[in-house]
Amino acid sequence: MATASKSAAASHVGKIRANNQDSGYAGAQLFVVADGMGGHAGGDVASAMAIKRIIETDKRYASAQDAEFALQSALLAANALIAETVFEHQELTGMGTTVSAILRVGNELAIAHIGDSRVYLVRDGELSQITADHTFVQRLVDSGRITAEEAAVHPRRSVLMRVLGDVDAAPEIDTTIMETRAGDRWMLCSDGLSSYVSDERILHVLTSTTDPDAAAHRLVKESLDQGAPDNVTVVIVNIDESTDSSSSPPIVVGSAAAPLSFEAETARRPLRLPTLLLHPLRPSPPEDAHFEPESEEYFDELIAEDRKRARNRRIAWLVAIGLAAIALIVALVLAYQWTQTRYYVGADGSSVAIFRGVQADVGPLALSSVHRTTPVRLDDLPTYTRQTVENTINAGSLADAEDIIERLSSVSNQ
C-alpha cells in the first residue's frame, strides 16, 4: 500500500509583484496552495489566514471520508475567519483567496478546491489536471462558447467565480476522494505557474527531476523564465511504497511563512530594466484577479458583454479588412495608370508598332496595348535592327517612340 510521501514546496514573488500573496504548505498528510487576491489590500493576509487554519487538519484520519469532511469544514472555517477579519479591518474589504488542498489517508487522497489554483497528477508518464478552475472563462469553455486557447488570452481570464472571502458566507467547495498508488506524483500550484508554463513543460520537469525540492524550484524557475509577473507557488508530493510512515518536515512558504500583518503596503517594487529587456511582451504588472459572485444573472451579463465585445471585434476586423482592400485597389489603379504613361517600340505581326504600357501581364490583364501600327515593315530592316525591335525598344515618352520610328524608317529605306 502506498503509505509514505516525500514532498517539497517553493514560492516566489514573481518578476513584478511587490509582495507575495501566495501561500503554500507541505506537511505530514496535508498539502495546500492558496493564492490571495485583493491587491495590497490583503491578498497575502487572506491566503496566510486560510493556510494557517487549514494546517490544523494535518493529522491522521480513520477514513478518506473523514478527511474530506475535515478539509471542507476547514475551508469554510477559513472563509468565516476572513470575513470576520474584514469586518474588523475595513481596509481589507475585498480580500479573498483560492485554495487547493489534498489530505492523504493511506492509499487515498481527499481533495478540496475553490478558485483557480490547481491540483495535477502525474501517473505512468501522463499529466492530468484534477481540479477545474472556478473562473468565468472556464465556464465559457465548459459551455462550448470559447476554446481553451481562446480562454488563455480572454480579457476576463482573471475573473474568479468562487473564492474564500468576505462575500459568500457559505461558498461552494469542490471535494472528492481519489485513489493514489506508488509512483504517483502530485503537484499543487497557483496560477502563476499554470498561466505561464505549458502542460508539456510541466510534465517534462515532473518526469525528469526525481527530487521533489529540485522539481519544485525548477518549475518556479520555468515560470520566471517566461516573465512570471504573478506570484508562483508549487507544492510537490511523491508517493512511494516505503513502510516508513514518517514524512518530510512541514514546510510553509509564501505569505503564510511570515507573521500576519494588516498594514496595507503602499510601495511597489520598481520595474527593473532587465525585466523589460528580457521579457518585452509582459512589461507591465498583470491585473489582479478579482471575484464576482457566481450567479446566473451576473453570468448572463458577462456572456452578453462578451458577445458584444466579440461582435465589436469582428466589426473592427471587417472594417480593417475593408480599408485594406480599398487601399490595395487604389494602389493597383494608381500603378496601372502609371504603366499607361510608358511607351516602347516592338513588333506587331510583320510591322513595327508603338506600344503603350509596360511589357508585363498580371494574370489575364495585359499591361500594354498597341498605340499605333507604323508602315515600317520588319522584313525591310537589317537583321540586327529587326532583332532589336523584336526584343522591344523602351521609349521615355510618346515623342521618343516617334523619334525611334523615324530612325527605323530611314534605315528601312536604305
Protein backbone atom coordinates (compact mmCIF):
# COMPACT_ATOMS: atom_id res chain seq x y z
CA MET A 1 0.00 0.00 0.00
CA ALA A 2 1.23 3.50 -0.78
CA THR A 3 1.88 4.82 2.69
CA ALA A 4 4.77 7.25 2.53
CA SER A 5 5.31 10.53 0.75
CA LYS A 6 8.22 12.82 0.06
CA SER A 7 7.25 16.43 -0.54
CA ALA A 8 8.56 19.94 -1.15
CA ALA A 9 7.22 23.46 -1.52
CA ALA A 10 8.59 26.56 -3.23
CA SER A 11 7.25 30.07 -3.71
CA HIS A 12 8.47 33.24 -5.43
CA VAL A 13 7.10 36.77 -5.60
CA GLY A 14 7.50 36.88 -9.39
CA LYS A 15 9.13 39.41 -11.68
CA ILE A 16 6.85 42.36 -10.99
CA ARG A 17 4.71 41.89 -7.85
CA ALA A 18 5.67 43.96 -4.82
CA ASN A 19 4.63 41.27 -2.33
CA ASN A 20 3.89 37.56 -2.31
CA GLN A 21 0.18 36.90 -1.93
CA ASP A 22 0.61 33.14 -2.38
CA SER A 23 0.96 30.66 0.46
CA GLY A 24 1.94 27.01 0.38
CA TYR A 25 2.23 24.13 2.83
CA ALA A 26 3.72 20.67 2.61
CA GLY A 27 3.21 18.67 5.78
CA ALA A 28 2.85 15.12 7.03
CA GLN A 29 -0.50 14.29 5.47
CA LEU A 30 -1.68 17.71 4.19
CA PHE A 31 -0.55 19.69 1.16
CA VAL A 32 -2.05 23.10 0.27
CA VAL A 33 -1.65 26.03 -2.11
CA ALA A 34 -3.55 29.31 -1.64
CA ASP A 35 -3.45 32.31 -3.97
CA GLY A 36 -4.60 35.55 -2.36
CA MET A 37 -6.47 38.32 -4.14
CA GLY A 38 -7.28 41.90 -3.26
CA GLY A 39 -4.03 43.53 -4.26
CA HIS A 40 -2.23 45.36 -1.47
CA ALA A 41 -5.49 45.46 0.48
CA GLY A 42 -4.83 42.00 1.85
CA GLY A 43 -4.41 39.15 -0.61
CA ASP A 44 -1.39 37.99 1.38
CA VAL A 45 -3.41 38.17 4.60
CA ALA A 46 -6.24 36.08 3.14
CA SER A 47 -4.01 33.29 1.84
CA ALA A 48 -1.96 33.19 5.05
CA MET A 49 -5.06 33.03 7.26
CA ALA A 50 -6.53 30.25 5.12
CA ILE A 51 -3.33 28.18 5.24
CA LYS A 52 -2.88 28.64 8.99
CA ARG A 53 -6.45 27.47 9.60
CA ILE A 54 -6.32 24.54 7.17
CA ILE A 55 -2.99 23.33 8.63
CA GLU A 56 -4.98 22.25 11.70
CA THR A 57 -6.28 19.32 9.63
CA ASP A 58 -2.79 17.87 9.15
CA LYS A 59 -3.33 14.70 11.17
CA ARG A 60 -4.28 11.06 10.66
CA TYR A 61 -7.90 10.11 9.92
CA ALA A 62 -9.76 6.85 10.14
CA SER A 63 -11.05 7.18 6.57
CA ALA A 64 -10.75 9.37 3.50
CA GLN A 65 -14.36 10.41 4.04
CA ASP A 66 -13.43 11.82 7.45
CA ALA A 67 -10.50 13.66 5.88
CA GLU A 68 -12.74 15.06 3.14
CA PHE A 69 -15.21 16.38 5.73
CA ALA A 70 -12.37 17.87 7.78
CA LEU A 71 -10.95 19.67 4.74
CA GLN A 72 -14.31 21.07 3.72
CA SER A 73 -15.01 22.23 7.27
CA ALA A 74 -11.56 23.85 7.48
CA LEU A 75 -12.11 25.80 4.26
CA LEU A 76 -15.49 27.02 5.46
CA ALA A 77 -13.95 28.00 8.80
CA ALA A 78 -11.20 29.89 6.96
CA ASN A 79 -13.87 31.67 4.93
CA ALA A 80 -15.63 32.77 8.12
CA LEU A 81 -12.32 33.89 9.64
CA ILE A 82 -11.52 36.03 6.59
CA ALA A 83 -14.99 37.59 6.69
CA GLU A 84 -14.63 38.37 10.39
CA THR A 85 -11.21 39.94 9.78
CA VAL A 86 -12.61 42.16 7.04
CA PHE A 87 -15.41 43.24 9.39
CA GLU A 88 -12.80 44.32 11.94
CA HIS A 89 -10.41 45.82 9.37
CA GLN A 90 -12.43 47.62 6.71
CA GLU A 91 -9.30 48.45 4.73
CA LEU A 92 -9.13 44.74 3.83
CA THR A 93 -12.54 44.73 2.17
CA GLY A 94 -12.47 42.65 -1.00
CA MET A 95 -9.65 40.34 0.01
CA GLY A 96 -10.00 36.65 -0.68
CA THR A 97 -8.06 33.56 -1.64
CA THR A 98 -8.18 30.43 -3.72
CA VAL A 99 -7.37 27.11 -2.06
CA SER A 100 -6.35 23.73 -3.45
CA ALA A 101 -5.61 21.06 -0.85
CA ILE A 102 -5.03 17.34 -0.64
CA LEU A 103 -5.12 15.27 2.57
CA ARG A 104 -3.65 11.76 2.41
CA VAL A 105 -5.21 8.79 4.17
CA GLY A 106 -3.32 5.61 3.30
CA ASN A 107 -3.71 4.96 -0.42
CA GLU A 108 -6.48 7.57 -0.82
CA LEU A 109 -6.47 11.33 -1.07
CA ALA A 110 -9.21 13.74 -0.02
CA ILE A 111 -9.18 16.80 -2.28
CA ALA A 112 -10.78 20.20 -1.60
CA HIS A 113 -10.68 23.04 -4.10
CA ILE A 114 -12.03 26.54 -4.74
CA GLY A 115 -10.74 29.13 -7.20
CA ASP A 116 -8.14 28.75 -9.95
CA SER A 117 -5.16 27.19 -8.19
CA ARG A 118 -4.75 23.64 -9.45
CA VAL A 119 -4.04 20.04 -8.49
CA TYR A 120 -2.23 17.86 -11.03
CA LEU A 121 -1.38 14.17 -11.07
CA VAL A 122 1.47 12.52 -12.96
CA ARG A 123 0.87 8.81 -13.39
CA ASP A 124 2.53 6.47 -15.89
CA GLY A 125 4.17 9.42 -17.62
CA GLU A 126 0.93 11.33 -18.19
CA LEU A 127 -0.15 14.65 -16.67
CA SER A 128 -3.77 15.09 -15.59
CA GLN A 129 -5.40 18.24 -14.25
CA ILE A 130 -7.56 17.02 -11.37
CA THR A 131 -9.32 20.24 -10.36
CA ALA A 132 -11.44 22.54 -12.52
CA ASP A 133 -10.92 26.31 -12.43
CA HIS A 134 -13.75 28.33 -10.93
CA THR A 135 -13.31 31.15 -13.43
CA PHE A 136 -15.53 32.96 -15.87
CA VAL A 137 -13.53 31.77 -18.88
CA GLN A 138 -13.70 28.16 -17.69
CA ARG A 139 -17.48 28.49 -17.63
CA LEU A 140 -17.29 29.71 -21.22
CA VAL A 141 -15.08 26.75 -22.16
CA ASP A 142 -17.36 24.26 -20.39
CA SER A 143 -20.40 25.67 -22.18
CA GLY A 144 -18.64 25.46 -25.55
CA ARG A 145 -18.66 29.21 -26.15
CA ILE A 146 -14.88 29.51 -26.47
CA THR A 147 -11.90 27.16 -26.80
CA ALA A 148 -9.18 26.58 -24.21
CA GLU A 149 -6.78 28.51 -26.47
CA GLU A 150 -9.15 31.49 -26.54
CA ALA A 151 -9.56 31.29 -22.77
CA ALA A 152 -5.80 31.74 -22.31
CA VAL A 153 -5.94 35.24 -23.84
CA HIS A 154 -9.50 36.22 -22.88
CA PRO A 155 -9.77 39.74 -21.35
CA ARG A 156 -11.78 38.30 -18.41
CA ARG A 157 -9.50 35.37 -17.67
CA SER A 158 -8.74 36.87 -14.23
CA VAL A 159 -12.39 36.86 -13.11
CA LEU A 160 -12.95 34.25 -10.38
CA MET A 161 -16.46 32.94 -9.78
CA ARG A 162 -15.70 31.22 -6.44
CA VAL A 163 -13.18 32.07 -3.70
CA LEU A 164 -12.88 32.17 0.07
CA GLY A 165 -13.59 35.74 1.15
CA ASP A 166 -15.99 38.21 2.71
CA VAL A 167 -18.75 37.92 0.11
CA ASP A 168 -20.29 34.45 0.40
CA ALA A 169 -20.88 33.06 3.90
CA ALA A 170 -21.17 29.50 2.53
CA PRO A 171 -19.13 29.20 -0.68
CA GLU A 172 -19.42 26.00 -2.71
CA ILE A 173 -16.26 23.95 -2.32
CA ASP A 174 -15.40 21.09 -4.67
CA THR A 175 -14.39 17.95 -2.78
CA THR A 176 -13.59 14.44 -3.94
CA ILE A 177 -11.72 11.31 -2.94
CA MET A 178 -9.18 9.69 -5.25
CA GLU A 179 -7.02 6.59 -5.08
CA THR A 180 -3.27 7.05 -5.18
CA ARG A 181 -0.53 4.49 -5.67
CA ALA A 182 3.20 4.07 -5.62
CA GLY A 183 4.91 6.07 -8.36
CA ASP A 184 2.28 8.81 -8.41
CA ARG A 185 3.48 12.39 -8.24
CA TRP A 186 1.01 15.08 -7.18
CA MET A 187 1.54 18.77 -7.78
CA LEU A 188 -0.39 21.75 -6.46
CA CYS A 189 0.27 25.19 -7.90
CA SER A 190 -1.01 28.73 -8.12
CA ASP A 191 -1.91 30.21 -11.49
CA GLY A 192 1.50 31.92 -11.55
CA LEU A 193 2.75 28.57 -12.88
CA SER A 194 -0.19 27.23 -14.88
CA SER A 195 -0.77 30.54 -16.69
CA TYR A 196 2.80 30.84 -17.95
CA VAL A 197 4.23 27.33 -18.29
CA SER A 198 2.70 24.81 -20.71
CA ASP A 199 1.49 21.39 -19.63
CA GLU A 200 4.21 19.87 -21.79
CA ARG A 201 6.96 21.72 -19.90
CA ILE A 202 5.38 20.93 -16.54
CA LEU A 203 5.24 17.23 -17.42
CA HIS A 204 8.84 17.28 -18.65
CA VAL A 205 10.09 18.74 -15.35
CA LEU A 206 7.97 16.42 -13.21
CA THR A 207 9.12 13.31 -15.07
CA SER A 208 12.78 14.25 -15.46
CA THR A 209 13.52 15.60 -11.97
CA THR A 210 13.15 12.96 -9.27
CA ASP A 211 13.84 15.07 -6.18
CA PRO A 212 10.64 16.97 -5.25
CA ASP A 213 12.52 20.02 -3.93
CA ALA A 214 14.59 20.30 -7.10
CA ALA A 215 11.46 19.81 -9.23
CA ALA A 216 9.53 22.49 -7.33
CA HIS A 217 12.31 25.06 -7.68
CA ARG A 218 12.84 24.14 -11.33
CA LEU A 219 9.15 24.74 -12.07
CA VAL A 220 9.34 28.12 -10.32
CA LYS A 221 12.36 28.96 -12.49
CA GLU A 222 10.46 27.87 -15.62
CA SER A 223 7.75 30.36 -14.73
CA LEU A 224 10.27 33.12 -14.02
CA ASP A 225 11.95 32.43 -17.35
CA GLN A 226 8.60 33.13 -19.03
CA GLY A 227 8.35 36.53 -17.33
CA ALA A 228 6.12 35.37 -14.43
CA PRO A 229 4.76 38.76 -13.31
CA ASP A 230 2.48 36.94 -10.85
CA ASN A 231 3.43 35.11 -7.66
CA VAL A 232 4.42 31.48 -8.24
CA THR A 233 3.88 28.68 -5.70
CA VAL A 234 4.45 24.96 -6.22
CA VAL A 235 3.93 22.01 -3.84
CA ILE A 236 5.04 18.53 -4.95
CA VAL A 237 4.26 15.18 -3.32
CA ASN A 238 5.90 11.87 -4.28
CA ILE A 239 4.06 8.68 -3.36
CA ASP A 240 6.15 5.55 -2.78
CA GLU A 241 5.85 2.11 -1.15
CA SER A 242 8.09 2.75 1.82
CA THR A 243 6.83 1.28 5.05
CA ASP A 244 8.32 4.23 6.93
CA SER A 245 5.33 6.37 7.86
CA SER A 246 7.43 9.43 8.61
CA SER A 247 7.39 12.30 6.16
CA SER A 248 9.45 15.36 5.35
CA PRO A 249 9.44 18.15 7.97
CA PRO A 250 6.47 20.51 7.43
CA ILE A 251 7.27 23.38 5.05
CA VAL A 252 5.43 26.71 4.91
CA VAL A 253 6.19 29.12 2.06
CA GLY A 254 4.89 32.44 0.81
CA SER A 255 2.96 34.90 2.95
CA ALA A 256 1.95 32.20 5.47
CA ALA A 257 5.64 31.83 6.39
CA ALA A 258 5.70 35.40 7.77
CA PRO A 259 3.79 36.93 10.70
CA LEU A 260 0.35 38.25 9.76
CA SER A 261 0.32 41.99 9.06
CA PHE A 262 -2.77 44.07 8.43
CA GLU A 263 -0.95 47.16 7.20
CA ALA A 264 -1.57 47.93 3.56
CA GLU A 265 1.59 48.23 1.55
CA THR A 266 1.94 51.49 -0.35
CA ALA A 267 5.23 50.97 -2.09
CA ARG A 268 5.59 48.93 -5.22
CA ARG A 269 8.83 47.32 -6.23
CA PRO A 270 10.29 49.36 -9.13
CA LEU A 271 10.29 47.72 -12.53
CA ARG A 272 13.88 46.86 -13.38
CA LEU A 273 15.33 47.46 -16.85
CA PRO A 274 16.50 43.82 -17.27
CA THR A 275 12.89 42.71 -16.86
CA LEU A 276 11.85 44.86 -19.79
CA LEU A 277 14.79 43.75 -21.89
CA LEU A 278 14.38 40.04 -21.19
CA HIS A 279 10.58 39.91 -21.26
CA PRO A 280 9.31 42.72 -23.53
CA LEU A 281 5.94 41.02 -24.06
CA ARG A 282 5.00 41.35 -20.37
CA PRO A 283 6.50 44.68 -19.28
CA SER A 284 3.68 45.83 -17.01
CA PRO A 285 2.10 44.35 -13.90
CA PRO A 286 -0.78 42.00 -14.58
CA GLU A 287 -4.26 42.84 -13.47
CA ASP A 288 -5.15 41.49 -10.06
CA ALA A 289 -7.55 38.59 -10.14
CA HIS A 290 -10.93 39.70 -8.91
CA PHE A 291 -14.03 37.95 -7.66
CA GLU A 292 -17.57 38.13 -8.98
CA PRO A 293 -20.41 36.21 -7.32
CA GLU A 294 -21.37 33.07 -9.20
CA SER A 295 -24.95 33.87 -10.11
CA GLU A 296 -26.81 33.17 -13.31
CA GLU A 297 -27.81 36.84 -13.62
CA TYR A 298 -24.23 38.02 -13.46
CA PHE A 299 -23.05 35.19 -15.69
CA ASP A 300 -25.66 36.16 -18.30
CA GLU A 301 -24.47 39.78 -18.11
CA LEU A 302 -20.88 38.70 -18.68
CA ILE A 303 -21.95 36.47 -21.59
CA ALA A 304 -23.83 39.39 -23.16
CA GLU A 305 -20.84 41.67 -22.65
CA ASP A 306 -18.52 39.03 -24.08
CA ARG A 307 -20.73 38.62 -27.14
CA LYS A 308 -20.81 42.40 -27.61
CA ARG A 309 -17.02 42.53 -27.38
CA ALA A 310 -16.71 39.67 -29.87
CA ARG A 311 -19.17 41.39 -32.22
CA ASN A 312 -17.28 44.69 -31.97
CA ARG A 313 -14.03 42.82 -32.58
CA ARG A 314 -15.50 41.22 -35.72
CA ILE A 315 -16.77 44.59 -36.93
CA ALA A 316 -13.34 46.13 -36.33
CA TRP A 317 -11.70 43.31 -38.29
CA LEU A 318 -14.18 43.69 -41.14
CA VAL A 319 -13.61 47.46 -41.25
CA ALA A 320 -9.84 46.92 -41.22
CA ILE A 321 -10.08 44.31 -43.98
CA GLY A 322 -12.35 46.63 -45.98
CA LEU A 323 -9.95 49.56 -45.62
CA ALA A 324 -7.03 47.35 -46.58
CA ALA A 325 -8.92 46.12 -49.64
CA ILE A 326 -9.75 49.70 -50.67
CA ALA A 327 -6.13 50.74 -50.19
CA LEU A 328 -4.98 47.78 -52.30
CA ILE A 329 -7.46 48.61 -55.07
CA VAL A 330 -6.39 52.27 -55.07
CA ALA A 331 -2.74 51.23 -55.21
CA LEU A 332 -3.44 48.88 -58.12
CA VAL A 333 -5.37 51.55 -60.00
CA LEU A 334 -2.58 54.10 -59.49
CA ALA A 335 0.02 51.54 -60.55
CA TYR A 336 -1.95 50.70 -63.71
CA GLN A 337 -2.37 54.37 -64.55
CA TRP A 338 1.39 54.84 -64.20
CA THR A 339 2.08 51.97 -66.61
CA GLN A 340 -0.09 53.70 -69.20
CA THR A 341 2.30 56.65 -69.26
CA ARG A 342 5.11 54.37 -70.52
CA TYR A 343 5.82 53.57 -74.23
CA TYR A 344 8.00 51.16 -76.17
CA VAL A 345 8.57 50.10 -79.80
CA GLY A 346 8.12 46.48 -80.79
CA ALA A 347 6.81 44.06 -83.39
CA ASP A 348 3.11 43.82 -84.17
CA GLY A 349 2.90 40.91 -86.57
CA SER A 350 5.12 41.80 -89.53
CA SER A 351 5.03 45.53 -88.81
CA VAL A 352 6.73 47.83 -86.33
CA ALA A 353 4.36 49.41 -83.78
CA ILE A 354 4.36 51.82 -80.87
CA PHE A 355 3.03 50.18 -77.69
CA ARG A 356 1.56 51.97 -74.67
CA GLY A 357 2.22 50.45 -71.25
CA VAL A 358 4.87 48.10 -69.86
CA GLN A 359 5.96 44.70 -71.07
CA ALA A 360 4.22 42.61 -68.41
CA ASP A 361 0.94 40.84 -67.69
CA VAL A 362 -0.86 40.43 -64.35
CA GLY A 363 -2.84 37.24 -64.75
CA PRO A 364 -5.27 37.76 -67.63
CA LEU A 365 -4.68 41.53 -67.57
CA ALA A 366 -2.19 42.82 -70.17
CA LEU A 367 -0.40 45.98 -69.09
CA SER A 368 0.32 47.12 -72.66
CA SER A 369 -1.58 47.65 -75.92
CA VAL A 370 -0.80 48.80 -79.47
CA HIS A 371 -0.90 52.59 -79.62
CA ARG A 372 -0.11 52.85 -83.36
CA THR A 373 1.00 50.43 -86.07
CA THR A 374 3.54 52.10 -88.39
CA PRO A 375 4.18 51.47 -92.09
CA VAL A 376 7.70 50.23 -91.28
CA ARG A 377 7.95 46.50 -92.02
CA LEU A 378 10.22 44.13 -90.14
CA ASP A 379 11.41 42.46 -93.37
CA ASP A 380 12.75 45.81 -94.59
CA LEU A 381 15.06 46.18 -91.59
CA PRO A 382 18.62 44.85 -91.28
CA THR A 383 18.88 41.61 -89.33
CA TYR A 384 20.36 43.15 -86.17
CA THR A 385 17.89 46.04 -86.17
CA ARG A 386 14.96 43.66 -86.72
CA GLN A 387 16.05 41.53 -83.73
CA THR A 388 16.34 44.67 -81.61
CA VAL A 389 12.77 45.67 -82.46
CA GLU A 390 11.50 42.16 -81.78
CA ASN A 391 13.12 42.36 -78.34
CA THR A 392 11.41 45.78 -77.93
CA ILE A 393 12.98 49.21 -77.53
CA ASN A 394 11.94 51.25 -74.49
CA ALA A 395 10.99 54.90 -75.01
CA GLY A 396 10.84 57.56 -72.33
CA SER A 397 7.72 59.13 -73.86
CA LEU A 398 5.49 59.04 -76.91
CA ALA A 399 7.73 61.63 -78.58
CA ASP A 400 10.77 59.42 -78.02
CA ALA A 401 8.86 56.48 -79.53
CA GLU A 402 8.05 58.57 -82.63
CA ASP A 403 11.72 59.51 -82.98
CA ILE A 404 12.67 55.80 -82.85
CA ILE A 405 10.14 55.07 -85.63
CA GLU A 406 11.66 57.84 -87.79
CA ARG A 407 15.14 56.34 -87.42
CA LEU A 408 13.83 52.86 -88.24
CA SER A 409 12.03 54.24 -91.26
CA SER A 410 15.19 55.85 -92.57
CA VAL A 411 17.10 52.58 -92.07
CA SER A 412 14.44 50.58 -93.92
CA ASN A 413 14.61 52.91 -96.94
CA GLN A 414 18.33 52.48 -97.43
